[in-house]
PDB file of N, CA and C in Angstrom:
ATOM      1  N   MET A   1      23.153  -6.461   0.066  1.00  0.00           N
ATOM      2  CA  MET A   1      22.341  -6.181   1.235  1.00  0.00           C
ATOM      3  C   MET A   1      20.956  -5.640   0.818  1.00  0.00           C
ATOM      4  N   ILE A   2      20.931  -4.686  -0.106  1.00  0.00           N
ATOM      5  CA  ILE A   2      19.670  -4.116  -0.571  1.00  0.00           C
ATOM      6  C   ILE A   2      18.804  -5.195  -1.219  1.00  0.00           C
ATOM      7  N   ARG A   3      19.434  -6.018  -2.025  1.00  0.00           N
ATOM      8  CA  ARG A   3      18.707  -7.098  -2.710  1.00  0.00           C
ATOM      9  C   ARG A   3      18.068  -8.045  -1.694  1.00  0.00           C
ATOM     10  N   ALA A   4      18.814  -8.376  -0.635  1.00  0.00           N
ATOM     11  CA  ALA A   4      18.303  -9.278   0.400  1.00  0.00           C
ATOM     12  C   ALA A   4      17.104  -8.653   1.120  1.00  0.00           C
ATOM     13  N   LEU A   5      17.162  -7.353   1.382  1.00  0.00           N
ATOM     14  CA  LEU A   5      16.043  -6.665   2.026  1.00  0.00           C
ATOM     15  C   LEU A   5      14.818  -6.622   1.118  1.00  0.00           C
ATOM     16  N   ASN A   6      15.040  -6.419  -0.179  1.00  0.00           N
ATOM     17  CA  ASN A   6      13.931  -6.424  -1.128  1.00  0.00           C
ATOM     18  C   ASN A   6      13.250  -7.791  -1.170  1.00  0.00           C
ATOM     19  N   VAL A   7      14.050  -8.848  -1.211  1.00  0.00           N
ATOM     20  CA  VAL A   7      13.500 -10.208  -1.235  1.00  0.00           C
ATOM     21  C   VAL A   7      12.734 -10.485   0.057  1.00  0.00           C
ATOM     22  N   LEU A   8      13.293 -10.073   1.183  1.00  0.00           N
ATOM     23  CA  LEU A   8      12.623 -10.264   2.474  1.00  0.00           C
ATOM     24  C   LEU A   8      11.302  -9.504   2.519  1.00  0.00           C
ATOM     25  N   THR A   9      11.291  -8.278   2.036  1.00  0.00           N
ATOM     26  CA  THR A   9      10.062  -7.479   2.014  1.00  0.00           C
ATOM     27  C   THR A   9       8.988  -8.153   1.172  1.00  0.00           C
ATOM     28  N   VAL A  10       9.366  -8.641   0.006  1.00  0.00           N
ATOM     29  CA  VAL A  10       8.409  -9.328  -0.875  1.00  0.00           C
ATOM     30  C   VAL A  10       7.867 -10.579  -0.188  1.00  0.00           C
ATOM     31  N   LYS A  11       8.711 -11.340   0.479  1.00  0.00           N
ATOM     32  CA  LYS A  11       8.257 -12.556   1.181  1.00  0.00           C
ATOM     33  C   LYS A  11       7.281 -12.215   2.303  1.00  0.00           C
ATOM     34  N   ILE A  12       7.559 -11.135   3.030  1.00  0.00           N
ATOM     35  CA  ILE A  12       6.663 -10.721   4.107  1.00  0.00           C
ATOM     36  C   ILE A  12       5.297 -10.354   3.533  1.00  0.00           C
ATOM     37  N   VAL A  13       5.295  -9.587   2.442  1.00  0.00           N
ATOM     38  CA  VAL A  13       4.037  -9.182   1.802  1.00  0.00           C
ATOM     39  C   VAL A  13       3.279 -10.403   1.304  1.00  0.00           C
ATOM     40  N   GLU A  14       3.968 -11.335   0.689  1.00  0.00           N
ATOM     41  CA  GLU A  14       3.322 -12.528   0.141  1.00  0.00           C
ATOM     42  C   GLU A  14       2.700 -13.403   1.221  1.00  0.00           C
ATOM     43  N   ARG A  15       3.329 -13.475   2.390  1.00  0.00           N
ATOM     44  CA  ARG A  15       2.881 -14.394   3.433  1.00  0.00           C
ATOM     45  C   ARG A  15       1.997 -13.744   4.486  1.00  0.00           C
ATOM     46  N   SER A  16       1.743 -12.462   4.346  1.00  0.00           N
ATOM     47  CA  SER A  16       0.891 -11.752   5.298  1.00  0.00           C
ATOM     48  C   SER A  16      -0.567 -11.888   4.896  1.00  0.00           C
ATOM     49  N   GLU A  17      -1.454 -11.496   5.809  1.00  0.00           N
ATOM     50  CA  GLU A  17      -2.882 -11.495   5.523  1.00  0.00           C
ATOM     51  C   GLU A  17      -3.122 -10.440   4.449  1.00  0.00           C
ATOM     52  N   HIS A  18      -3.634 -10.854   3.315  1.00  0.00           N
ATOM     53  CA  HIS A  18      -3.640 -10.028   2.117  1.00  0.00           C
ATOM     54  C   HIS A  18      -4.493  -8.762   2.227  1.00  0.00           C
ATOM     55  N   THR A  19      -5.625  -8.848   2.868  1.00  0.00           N
ATOM     56  CA  THR A  19      -6.466  -7.660   3.015  1.00  0.00           C
ATOM     57  C   THR A  19      -5.767  -6.614   3.864  1.00  0.00           C
ATOM     58  N   ARG A  20      -5.212  -7.030   4.962  1.00  0.00           N
ATOM     59  CA  ARG A  20      -4.544  -6.082   5.861  1.00  0.00           C
ATOM     60  C   ARG A  20      -3.318  -5.454   5.216  1.00  0.00           C
ATOM     61  N   VAL A  21      -2.545  -6.256   4.526  1.00  0.00           N
ATOM     62  CA  VAL A  21      -1.327  -5.733   3.884  1.00  0.00           C
ATOM     63  C   VAL A  21      -1.695  -4.739   2.784  1.00  0.00           C
ATOM     64  N   THR A  22      -2.723  -5.029   2.026  1.00  0.00           N
ATOM     65  CA  THR A  22      -3.149  -4.124   0.957  1.00  0.00           C
ATOM     66  C   THR A  22      -3.646  -2.809   1.545  1.00  0.00           C
ATOM     67  N   CYS A  23      -4.466  -2.889   2.570  1.00  0.00           N
ATOM     68  CA  CYS A  23      -4.979  -1.672   3.215  1.00  0.00           C
ATOM     69  C   CYS A  23      -3.849  -0.865   3.853  1.00  0.00           C
ATOM     70  N   ALA A  24      -2.910  -1.535   4.468  1.00  0.00           N
ATOM     71  CA  ALA A  24      -1.779  -0.835   5.080  1.00  0.00           C
ATOM     72  C   ALA A  24      -0.929  -0.125   4.026  1.00  0.00           C
ATOM     73  N   LEU A  25      -0.695  -0.771   2.903  1.00  0.00           N
ATOM     74  CA  LEU A  25       0.089  -0.138   1.840  1.00  0.00           C
ATOM     75  C   LEU A  25      -0.632   1.061   1.241  1.00  0.00           C
ATOM     76  N   VAL A  26      -1.943   0.964   1.110  1.00  0.00           N
ATOM     77  CA  VAL A  26      -2.716   2.104   0.608  1.00  0.00           C
ATOM     78  C   VAL A  26      -2.594   3.270   1.588  1.00  0.00           C
ATOM     79  N   ARG A  27      -2.690   2.976   2.867  1.00  0.00           N
ATOM     80  CA  ARG A  27      -2.559   4.039   3.873  1.00  0.00           C
ATOM     81  C   ARG A  27      -1.154   4.644   3.854  1.00  0.00           C
ATOM     82  N   LEU A  28      -0.139   3.816   3.771  1.00  0.00           N
ATOM     83  CA  LEU A  28       1.230   4.335   3.713  1.00  0.00           C
ATOM     84  C   LEU A  28       1.447   5.214   2.488  1.00  0.00           C
ATOM     85  N   LEU A  29       0.889   4.799   1.362  1.00  0.00           N
ATOM     86  CA  LEU A  29       1.007   5.611   0.152  1.00  0.00           C
ATOM     87  C   LEU A  29       0.289   6.942   0.334  1.00  0.00           C
ATOM     88  N   ARG A  30      -0.896   6.906   0.914  1.00  0.00           N
ATOM     89  CA  ARG A  30      -1.660   8.139   1.147  1.00  0.00           C
ATOM     90  C   ARG A  30      -0.898   9.108   2.043  1.00  0.00           C
ATOM     91  N   GLU A  31      -0.208   8.589   3.040  1.00  0.00           N
ATOM     92  CA  GLU A  31       0.558   9.435   3.950  1.00  0.00           C
ATOM     93  C   GLU A  31       1.863   9.921   3.323  1.00  0.00           C
ATOM     94  N   ALA A  32       2.417   9.141   2.409  1.00  0.00           N
ATOM     95  CA  ALA A  32       3.716   9.483   1.827  1.00  0.00           C
ATOM     96  C   ALA A  32       3.619  10.501   0.700  1.00  0.00           C
ATOM     97  N   VAL A  33       2.569  10.455  -0.086  1.00  0.00           N
ATOM     98  CA  VAL A  33       2.484  11.297  -1.286  1.00  0.00           C
ATOM     99  C   VAL A  33       2.521  12.788  -0.961  1.00  0.00           C
ATOM    100  N   PRO A  34       1.683  13.302  -0.047  1.00  0.00           N
ATOM    101  CA  PRO A  34       1.733  14.744   0.188  1.00  0.00           C
ATOM    102  C   PRO A  34       2.854  15.177   1.143  1.00  0.00           C
ATOM    103  N   ASN A  35       3.615  14.231   1.662  1.00  0.00           N
ATOM    104  CA  ASN A  35       4.626  14.541   2.666  1.00  0.00           C
ATOM    105  C   ASN A  35       6.000  14.638   2.015  1.00  0.00           C
ATOM    106  N   SER A  36       6.436  15.843   1.735  1.00  0.00           N
ATOM    107  CA  SER A  36       7.722  16.031   1.053  1.00  0.00           C
ATOM    108  C   SER A  36       8.915  15.835   1.980  1.00  0.00           C
ATOM    109  N   SER A  37       8.677  15.708   3.290  1.00  0.00           N
ATOM    110  CA  SER A  37       9.794  15.494   4.208  1.00  0.00           C
ATOM    111  C   SER A  37      10.260  14.036   4.221  1.00  0.00           C
ATOM    112  N   LEU A  38       9.432  13.139   3.705  1.00  0.00           N
ATOM    113  CA  LEU A  38       9.835  11.730   3.616  1.00  0.00           C
ATOM    114  C   LEU A  38      10.773  11.537   2.432  1.00  0.00           C
ATOM    115  N   PRO A  39      11.743  10.659   2.572  1.00  0.00           N
ATOM    116  CA  PRO A  39      12.638  10.392   1.443  1.00  0.00           C
ATOM    117  C   PRO A  39      11.883   9.798   0.252  1.00  0.00           C
ATOM    118  N   THR A  40      12.339  10.126  -0.921  1.00  0.00           N
ATOM    119  CA  THR A  40      11.734   9.587  -2.143  1.00  0.00           C
ATOM    120  C   THR A  40      11.812   8.070  -2.156  1.00  0.00           C
ATOM    121  N   LYS A  41      12.879   7.529  -1.629  1.00  0.00           N
ATOM    122  CA  LYS A  41      13.049   6.063  -1.590  1.00  0.00           C
ATOM    123  C   LYS A  41      11.917   5.394  -0.802  1.00  0.00           C
ATOM    124  N   TYR A  42      11.446   6.060   0.250  1.00  0.00           N
ATOM    125  CA  TYR A  42      10.343   5.505   1.054  1.00  0.00           C
ATOM    126  C   TYR A  42       9.087   5.380   0.201  1.00  0.00           C
ATOM    127  N   THR A  43       8.743   6.465  -0.480  1.00  0.00           N
ATOM    128  CA  THR A  43       7.565   6.449  -1.342  1.00  0.00           C
ATOM    129  C   THR A  43       7.710   5.413  -2.444  1.00  0.00           C
ATOM    130  N   GLU A  44       8.896   5.317  -3.022  1.00  0.00           N
ATOM    131  CA  GLU A  44       9.138   4.332  -4.079  1.00  0.00           C
ATOM    132  C   GLU A  44       8.983   2.913  -3.554  1.00  0.00           C
ATOM    133  N   LEU A  45       9.453   2.655  -2.336  1.00  0.00           N
ATOM    134  CA  LEU A  45       9.324   1.321  -1.748  1.00  0.00           C
ATOM    135  C   LEU A  45       7.861   0.964  -1.529  1.00  0.00           C
ATOM    136  N   VAL A  46       7.091   1.911  -1.016  1.00  0.00           N
ATOM    137  CA  VAL A  46       5.660   1.669  -0.817  1.00  0.00           C
ATOM    138  C   VAL A  46       4.983   1.388  -2.152  1.00  0.00           C
ATOM    139  N   MET A  47       5.315   2.167  -3.165  1.00  0.00           N
ATOM    140  CA  MET A  47       4.711   1.960  -4.488  1.00  0.00           C
ATOM    141  C   MET A  47       5.118   0.617  -5.078  1.00  0.00           C
ATOM    142  N   LYS A  48       6.367   0.203  -4.896  1.00  0.00           N
ATOM    143  CA  LYS A  48       6.809  -1.098  -5.403  1.00  0.00           C
ATOM    144  C   LYS A  48       6.074  -2.234  -4.696  1.00  0.00           C
ATOM    145  N   CYS A  49       5.905  -2.116  -3.391  1.00  0.00           N
ATOM    146  CA  CYS A  49       5.178  -3.147  -2.648  1.00  0.00           C
ATOM    147  C   CYS A  49       3.725  -3.207  -3.108  1.00  0.00           C
ATOM    148  N   LEU A  50       3.131  -2.046  -3.290  1.00  0.00           N
ATOM    149  CA  LEU A  50       1.748  -2.008  -3.765  1.00  0.00           C
ATOM    150  C   LEU A  50       1.637  -2.596  -5.165  1.00  0.00           C
ATOM    151  N   TRP A  51       2.617  -2.353  -6.000  1.00  0.00           N
ATOM    152  CA  TRP A  51       2.626  -2.933  -7.344  1.00  0.00           C
ATOM    153  C   TRP A  51       2.707  -4.464  -7.271  1.00  0.00           C
ATOM    154  N   LYS A  52       3.525  -4.977  -6.362  1.00  0.00           N
ATOM    155  CA  LYS A  52       3.617  -6.432  -6.186  1.00  0.00           C
ATOM    156  C   LYS A  52       2.262  -7.005  -5.750  1.00  0.00           C
ATOM    157  N   VAL A  53       1.586  -6.283  -4.867  1.00  0.00           N
ATOM    158  CA  VAL A  53       0.274  -6.723  -4.403  1.00  0.00           C
ATOM    159  C   VAL A  53      -0.713  -6.728  -5.565  1.00  0.00           C
ATOM    160  N   ILE A  54      -0.705  -5.675  -6.373  1.00  0.00           N
ATOM    161  CA  ILE A  54      -1.618  -5.593  -7.512  1.00  0.00           C
ATOM    162  C   ILE A  54      -1.371  -6.742  -8.486  1.00  0.00           C
ATOM    163  N   LYS A  55      -0.101  -7.061  -8.721  1.00  0.00           N
ATOM    164  CA  LYS A  55       0.211  -8.175  -9.612  1.00  0.00           C
ATOM    165  C   LYS A  55      -0.242  -9.510  -9.038  1.00  0.00           C
ATOM    166  N   ALA A  56      -0.267  -9.613  -7.708  1.00  0.00           N
ATOM    167  CA  ALA A  56      -0.654 -10.871  -7.060  1.00  0.00           C
ATOM    168  C   ALA A  56      -2.167 -10.990  -6.854  1.00  0.00           C
ATOM    169  N   LEU A  57      -2.912  -9.920  -7.061  1.00  0.00           N
ATOM    170  CA  LEU A  57      -4.353  -9.932  -6.786  1.00  0.00           C
ATOM    171  C   LEU A  57      -5.124 -11.059  -7.459  1.00  0.00           C
ATOM    172  N   PRO A  58      -4.867 -11.403  -8.719  1.00  0.00           N
ATOM    173  CA  PRO A  58      -5.635 -12.501  -9.311  1.00  0.00           C
ATOM    174  C   PRO A  58      -5.545 -13.804  -8.512  1.00  0.00           C
ATOM    175  N   GLY A  59      -4.406 -14.080  -7.921  1.00  0.00           N
ATOM    176  CA  GLY A  59      -4.258 -15.283  -7.120  1.00  0.00           C
ATOM    177  C   GLY A  59      -4.809 -15.152  -5.708  1.00  0.00           C
ATOM    178  N   TRP A  60      -5.035 -13.926  -5.275  1.00  0.00           N
ATOM    179  CA  TRP A  60      -5.509 -13.667  -3.912  1.00  0.00           C
ATOM    180  C   TRP A  60      -7.016 -13.466  -3.840  1.00  0.00           C
ATOM    181  N   MET A  61      -7.720 -13.487  -4.940  1.00  0.00           N
ATOM    182  CA  MET A  61      -9.124 -13.083  -4.971  1.00  0.00           C
ATOM    183  C   MET A  61     -10.012 -13.862  -3.992  1.00  0.00           C
ATOM    184  N   ARG A  62      -9.706 -15.106  -3.735  1.00  0.00           N
ATOM    185  CA  ARG A  62     -10.527 -15.897  -2.807  1.00  0.00           C
ATOM    186  C   ARG A  62     -10.231 -15.528  -1.351  1.00  0.00           C
ATOM    187  N   GLU A  63      -9.084 -14.916  -1.099  1.00  0.00           N
ATOM    188  CA  GLU A  63      -8.655 -14.635   0.270  1.00  0.00           C
ATOM    189  C   GLU A  63      -8.803 -13.176   0.675  1.00  0.00           C
ATOM    190  N   ILE A  64      -8.955 -12.271  -0.283  1.00  0.00           N
ATOM    191  CA  ILE A  64      -8.928 -10.843   0.030  1.00  0.00           C
ATOM    192  C   ILE A  64     -10.348 -10.291   0.111  1.00  0.00           C
ATOM    193  N   ASP A  65     -10.557  -9.387   1.027  1.00  0.00           N
ATOM    194  CA  ASP A  65     -11.853  -8.723   1.196  1.00  0.00           C
ATOM    195  C   ASP A  65     -11.834  -7.446   0.352  1.00  0.00           C
ATOM    196  N   MET A  66     -12.305  -7.557  -0.890  1.00  0.00           N
ATOM    197  CA  MET A  66     -12.238  -6.431  -1.822  1.00  0.00           C
ATOM    198  C   MET A  66     -13.146  -5.281  -1.393  1.00  0.00           C
ATOM    199  N   VAL A  67     -14.208  -5.568  -0.690  1.00  0.00           N
ATOM    200  CA  VAL A  67     -15.084  -4.497  -0.206  1.00  0.00           C
ATOM    201  C   VAL A  67     -14.314  -3.617   0.770  1.00  0.00           C
ATOM    202  N   ARG A  68     -13.587  -4.238   1.670  1.00  0.00           N
ATOM    203  CA  ARG A  68     -12.788  -3.472   2.643  1.00  0.00           C
ATOM    204  C   ARG A  68     -11.689  -2.687   1.949  1.00  0.00           C
ATOM    205  N   VAL A  69     -11.012  -3.294   1.000  1.00  0.00           N
ATOM    206  CA  VAL A  69      -9.949  -2.601   0.265  1.00  0.00           C
ATOM    207  C   VAL A  69     -10.528  -1.414  -0.499  1.00  0.00           C
ATOM    208  N   HIS A  70     -11.672  -1.614  -1.140  1.00  0.00           N
ATOM    209  CA  HIS A  70     -12.316  -0.521  -1.871  1.00  0.00           C
ATOM    210  C   HIS A  70     -12.720   0.608  -0.920  1.00  0.00           C
ATOM    211  N   PHE A  71     -13.240   0.253   0.241  1.00  0.00           N
ATOM    212  CA  PHE A  71     -13.616   1.269   1.232  1.00  0.00           C
ATOM    213  C   PHE A  71     -12.396   2.080   1.657  1.00  0.00           C
ATOM    214  N   ILE A  72     -11.296   1.406   1.922  1.00  0.00           N
ATOM    215  CA  ILE A  72     -10.069   2.091   2.330  1.00  0.00           C
ATOM    216  C   ILE A  72      -9.583   3.012   1.213  1.00  0.00           C
ATOM    217  N   ASP A  73      -9.614   2.524  -0.016  1.00  0.00           N
ATOM    218  CA  ASP A  73      -9.222   3.360  -1.156  1.00  0.00           C
ATOM    219  C   ASP A  73     -10.071   4.620  -1.220  1.00  0.00           C
ATOM    220  N   CYS A  74     -11.379   4.452  -1.134  1.00  0.00           N
ATOM    221  CA  CYS A  74     -12.287   5.599  -1.216  1.00  0.00           C
ATOM    222  C   CYS A  74     -12.075   6.554  -0.047  1.00  0.00           C
ATOM    223  N   PHE A  75     -11.860   5.991   1.139  1.00  0.00           N
ATOM    224  CA  PHE A  75     -11.671   6.827   2.320  1.00  0.00           C
ATOM    225  C   PHE A  75     -10.402   7.659   2.219  1.00  0.00           C
ATOM    226  N   TYR A  76      -9.288   7.025   1.884  1.00  0.00           N
ATOM    227  CA  TYR A  76      -8.011   7.741   1.870  1.00  0.00           C
ATOM    228  C   TYR A  76      -7.818   8.626   0.648  1.00  0.00           C
ATOM    229  N   PHE A  77      -8.470   8.305  -0.448  1.00  0.00           N
ATOM    230  CA  PHE A  77      -8.234   9.076  -1.655  1.00  0.00           C
ATOM    231  C   PHE A  77      -9.420   9.920  -2.090  1.00  0.00           C
ATOM    232  N   SER A  78     -10.425  10.053  -1.226  1.00  0.00           N
ATOM    233  CA  SER A  78     -11.530  10.940  -1.583  1.00  0.00           C
ATOM    234  C   SER A  78     -11.024  12.381  -1.518  1.00  0.00           C
ATOM    235  N   PRO A  79     -11.496  13.238  -2.404  1.00  0.00           N
ATOM    236  CA  PRO A  79     -11.026  14.627  -2.421  1.00  0.00           C
ATOM    237  C   PRO A  79     -11.271  15.342  -1.099  1.00  0.00           C
ATOM    238  N   LEU A  80     -12.384  15.085  -0.434  1.00  0.00           N
ATOM    239  CA  LEU A  80     -12.679  15.752   0.819  1.00  0.00           C
ATOM    240  C   LEU A  80     -11.627  15.410   1.877  1.00  0.00           C
ATOM    241  N   ASN A  81     -11.324  14.138   2.039  1.00  0.00           N
ATOM    242  CA  ASN A  81     -10.325  13.732   3.039  1.00  0.00           C
ATOM    243  C   ASN A  81      -8.955  14.267   2.679  1.00  0.00           C
ATOM    244  N   PHE A  82      -8.637  14.317   1.405  1.00  0.00           N
ATOM    245  CA  PHE A  82      -7.340  14.828   0.979  1.00  0.00           C
ATOM    246  C   PHE A  82      -7.199  16.306   1.356  1.00  0.00           C
ATOM    247  N   PHE A  83      -8.214  17.100   1.049  1.00  0.00           N
ATOM    248  CA  PHE A  83      -8.132  18.526   1.341  1.00  0.00           C
ATOM    249  C   PHE A  83      -8.181  18.804   2.839  1.00  0.00           C
ATOM    250  N   LEU A  84      -8.934  18.019   3.583  1.00  0.00           N
ATOM    251  CA  LEU A  84      -8.968  18.197   5.027  1.00  0.00           C
ATOM    252  C   LEU A  84      -7.618  17.891   5.650  1.00  0.00           C
ATOM    253  N   SER A  85      -6.885  16.936   5.096  1.00  0.00           N
ATOM    254  CA  SER A  85      -5.575  16.583   5.650  1.00  0.00           C
ATOM    255  C   SER A  85      -4.535  17.658   5.397  1.00  0.00           C
ATOM    256  N   LEU A  86      -4.759  18.502   4.413  1.00  0.00           N
ATOM    257  CA  LEU A  86      -3.808  19.577   4.100  1.00  0.00           C
ATOM    258  C   LEU A  86      -3.980  20.782   5.028  1.00  0.00           C
ATOM    259  N   MET A  87      -5.113  20.860   5.703  1.00  0.00           N
ATOM    260  CA  MET A  87      -5.376  22.023   6.572  1.00  0.00           C
ATOM    261  C   MET A  87      -4.686  21.896   7.899  1.00  0.00           C
TER     262      MET A  87
END
């Protein structure tokens, strides 16, 4: 059952709009890391999906909006936004 869900998750990520899926995974990771109430498995799943996306990036370069992905990365992982979210 777990294996089937993993395969389904990978297929969904592969067939989704790549910019949106990448940005969504970055946001999920940003929300999961400082939140100790979330199960570790959740964070691990987000990281595994993001790793799959990173491995697929060379093939997605013509389809993905790297400027938008970079903006999302900078927005969610800037030190100012991180510290403001802890308050």
